[in-house]
N, C-alpha and C. Protein backbone atom coordinates (compact mmCIF):
# COMPACT_ATOMS: atom_id res chain seq x y z
N MET A 1 101.16 217.93 60.73
CA MET A 1 100.19 218.06 59.27
C MET A 1 100.97 219.02 58.49
N THR A 2 100.95 218.20 57.39
CA THR A 2 101.95 218.71 56.30
C THR A 2 101.38 219.26 54.87
N ARG A 3 100.05 218.97 54.84
CA ARG A 3 99.49 219.08 53.49
C ARG A 3 98.12 219.83 53.65
N HIS A 4 97.76 220.52 52.59
CA HIS A 4 96.51 221.33 52.54
C HIS A 4 95.25 220.27 52.49
N ALA A 5 94.19 220.86 52.63
CA ALA A 5 93.31 219.87 52.57
C ALA A 5 92.85 219.85 50.89
N THR A 6 92.27 218.65 50.79
CA THR A 6 91.85 218.10 49.72
C THR A 6 90.58 217.98 49.32
N ALA A 7 90.04 217.99 47.98
CA ALA A 7 88.52 217.55 47.74
C ALA A 7 88.14 216.61 48.66
N ALA A 8 89.17 215.48 48.83
CA ALA A 8 88.41 214.31 49.40
C ALA A 8 88.17 214.64 50.97
N ASP A 9 89.16 215.63 51.28
CA ASP A 9 89.03 216.09 52.90
C ASP A 9 87.69 216.73 52.96
N PHE A 10 87.26 217.67 52.27
CA PHE A 10 86.14 218.32 52.09
C PHE A 10 84.81 217.53 51.91
N ALA A 11 84.63 216.40 51.15
CA ALA A 11 83.89 215.48 51.18
C ALA A 11 83.55 214.78 52.30
N THR A 12 84.68 214.46 52.93
CA THR A 12 84.52 213.67 54.35
C THR A 12 83.85 214.70 55.44
N TRP A 13 84.38 215.75 55.44
CA TRP A 13 83.78 216.73 56.39
C TRP A 13 82.44 216.86 55.88
N GLU A 14 81.96 217.19 54.79
CA GLU A 14 80.63 217.51 54.54
C GLU A 14 79.83 216.36 54.42
N THR A 15 80.21 214.96 54.78
CA THR A 15 79.61 213.79 54.58
C THR A 15 79.26 213.58 56.47
N LYS A 16 80.31 214.08 57.18
CA LYS A 16 80.16 214.03 58.57
C LYS A 16 79.25 215.11 59.08
N ALA A 17 79.37 216.29 58.58
CA ALA A 17 78.53 217.33 59.05
C ALA A 17 77.11 216.80 58.90
N LYS A 18 76.49 216.42 57.90
CA LYS A 18 75.12 215.98 57.55
C LYS A 18 74.59 215.35 58.40
N SER A 19 75.37 214.41 59.14
CA SER A 19 75.17 213.51 60.29
C SER A 19 75.05 213.69 61.58
N MET A 20 75.63 215.17 61.91
CA MET A 20 75.73 215.74 63.14
C MET A 20 74.42 216.54 63.72
N THR A 21 74.41 216.46 64.75
CA THR A 21 73.26 217.43 65.43
C THR A 21 73.90 218.79 65.37
N VAL A 22 72.85 219.65 65.35
CA VAL A 22 73.23 220.96 65.67
C VAL A 22 73.85 221.40 66.64
N ALA A 23 73.91 220.82 67.81
CA ALA A 23 74.68 220.91 68.92
C ALA A 23 76.14 220.49 68.62
N ALA A 24 76.24 219.35 67.75
CA ALA A 24 77.59 219.02 67.57
C ALA A 24 78.31 219.81 66.38
N LEU A 25 77.62 220.29 65.56
CA LEU A 25 78.04 221.07 64.44
C LEU A 25 78.59 222.65 65.06
N LEU A 26 77.90 223.24 66.02
CA LEU A 26 78.22 224.30 66.85
C LEU A 26 79.48 224.07 67.70
N TRP A 27 79.65 222.92 68.35
CA TRP A 27 80.92 222.79 68.98
C TRP A 27 82.03 222.30 68.23
N SER A 28 81.66 221.43 67.13
CA SER A 28 82.95 221.38 66.22
C SER A 28 83.25 222.61 65.41
N ILE A 29 82.31 223.52 65.29
CA ILE A 29 82.72 224.84 64.52
C ILE A 29 83.54 225.58 65.41
N ARG A 30 83.39 225.70 66.92
CA ARG A 30 84.29 226.35 68.03
C ARG A 30 85.57 225.74 67.99
N ASP A 31 85.41 224.24 68.11
CA ASP A 31 86.66 223.55 68.30
C ASP A 31 87.62 223.70 67.16
N ALA A 32 87.25 223.77 65.98
CA ALA A 32 87.97 223.61 64.75
C ALA A 32 88.42 225.37 64.61
N SER A 33 87.83 226.38 65.01
CA SER A 33 88.09 227.45 64.85
C SER A 33 89.31 227.79 66.08
N GLU A 34 89.01 227.34 67.01
CA GLU A 34 89.96 227.55 68.43
C GLU A 34 91.48 226.71 67.80
N CYS A 35 91.14 225.55 67.05
CA CYS A 35 92.59 224.91 66.77
C CYS A 35 93.49 225.81 65.74
N ALA A 36 92.54 226.42 64.69
CA ALA A 36 92.84 227.42 63.65
C ALA A 36 93.95 228.30 64.13
N ARG A 37 93.24 229.01 65.15
CA ARG A 37 94.01 230.02 65.82
C ARG A 37 95.25 229.76 66.47
N ASN A 38 95.17 228.61 67.19
CA ASN A 38 96.36 228.20 67.99
C ASN A 38 97.26 227.67 67.12
N PHE A 39 97.01 227.23 65.87
CA PHE A 39 98.10 226.55 65.10
C PHE A 39 98.78 227.75 63.96
N ASP A 40 97.92 228.95 64.02
CA ASP A 40 98.25 229.88 62.83
C ASP A 40 99.67 230.65 63.16
N SER A 41 100.12 230.45 64.29
CA SER A 41 101.53 231.26 64.69
C SER A 41 102.60 229.92 64.07
N PHE A 42 102.45 228.92 64.10
CA PHE A 42 103.65 227.96 64.00
C PHE A 42 103.37 226.90 62.77
N ASP A 43 102.02 226.82 62.23
CA ASP A 43 101.83 225.68 61.11
C ASP A 43 100.77 226.32 60.72
N PRO A 44 100.98 227.24 59.38
CA PRO A 44 99.89 227.60 58.91
C PRO A 44 99.00 226.74 57.93
N ILE A 45 99.66 225.63 57.50
CA ILE A 45 99.01 224.54 56.80
C ILE A 45 97.90 224.14 57.57
N ALA A 46 98.21 223.69 58.94
CA ALA A 46 97.44 222.95 59.97
C ALA A 46 96.38 224.07 60.19
N ALA A 47 96.55 225.35 60.32
CA ALA A 47 95.64 226.26 60.71
C ALA A 47 94.57 226.49 59.49
N GLY A 48 94.94 226.19 58.29
CA GLY A 48 94.38 226.65 57.31
C GLY A 48 93.32 225.30 57.10
N ARG A 49 93.78 224.01 57.48
CA ARG A 49 92.90 222.97 57.41
C ARG A 49 91.74 223.15 58.47
N TYR A 50 92.14 223.18 59.77
CA TYR A 50 91.28 223.62 60.69
C TYR A 50 90.26 224.45 60.11
N ALA A 51 90.69 225.44 59.62
CA ALA A 51 90.01 226.72 59.32
C ALA A 51 88.85 226.06 58.23
N ASP A 52 89.24 225.23 57.20
CA ASP A 52 88.32 224.73 56.13
C ASP A 52 87.50 223.63 57.04
N GLU A 53 87.95 223.01 57.91
CA GLU A 53 86.89 222.14 58.53
C GLU A 53 85.65 222.99 59.41
N ALA A 54 86.07 223.90 60.04
CA ALA A 54 85.06 224.79 60.57
C ALA A 54 84.18 225.32 59.69
N SER A 55 84.73 225.76 58.50
CA SER A 55 83.91 226.34 57.36
C SER A 55 82.88 225.54 56.91
N THR A 56 83.43 224.14 56.79
CA THR A 56 82.41 223.29 56.24
C THR A 56 81.30 222.95 56.87
N TYR A 57 81.78 223.04 58.54
CA TYR A 57 80.40 222.64 59.37
C TYR A 57 79.66 223.93 59.36
N GLY A 58 80.22 225.05 59.18
CA GLY A 58 79.47 226.19 59.25
C GLY A 58 78.28 226.46 58.17
N GLN A 59 78.76 225.92 56.91
CA GLN A 59 78.17 225.80 55.58
C GLN A 59 76.70 224.95 55.81
N GLU A 60 77.26 223.67 56.55
CA GLU A 60 75.94 222.80 56.93
C GLU A 60 74.99 223.45 57.79
N LEU A 61 75.42 224.39 58.67
CA LEU A 61 74.56 224.54 59.96
C LEU A 61 73.48 225.88 59.16
N ASN A 62 74.55 226.73 58.35
CA ASN A 62 73.70 227.72 57.49
C ASN A 62 72.52 227.12 56.55
N ARG A 63 72.82 225.79 56.06
CA ARG A 63 72.06 225.19 55.06
C ARG A 63 70.74 224.87 56.19
N ARG A 64 70.98 224.30 57.18
CA ARG A 64 69.85 223.94 58.02
C ARG A 64 69.01 225.16 58.63
N ARG A 65 69.72 225.97 58.93
CA ARG A 65 69.20 227.30 59.28
C ARG A 65 68.18 227.99 58.18
N ALA A 66 68.69 228.05 56.94
CA ALA A 66 67.84 228.41 55.71
C ALA A 66 66.84 227.82 55.34
N ALA A 67 66.52 226.34 55.69
CA ALA A 67 65.77 225.66 55.42
C ALA A 67 64.48 225.83 56.21
């Protein structure tokens, strides 16, 4: 992975997050966060993309909890 997350990436993740169950969101947040930690030492761009993905799913989870 050699590129930063784009607006299109965020839009894709947001659309996907809206259709996910809470359990799927929680799993995806943990998975993407773990990937970000694992990539951090040798591919910071990939780590950042995974962190962005986890954050996007987390925002959807927070929206649901606030509703």
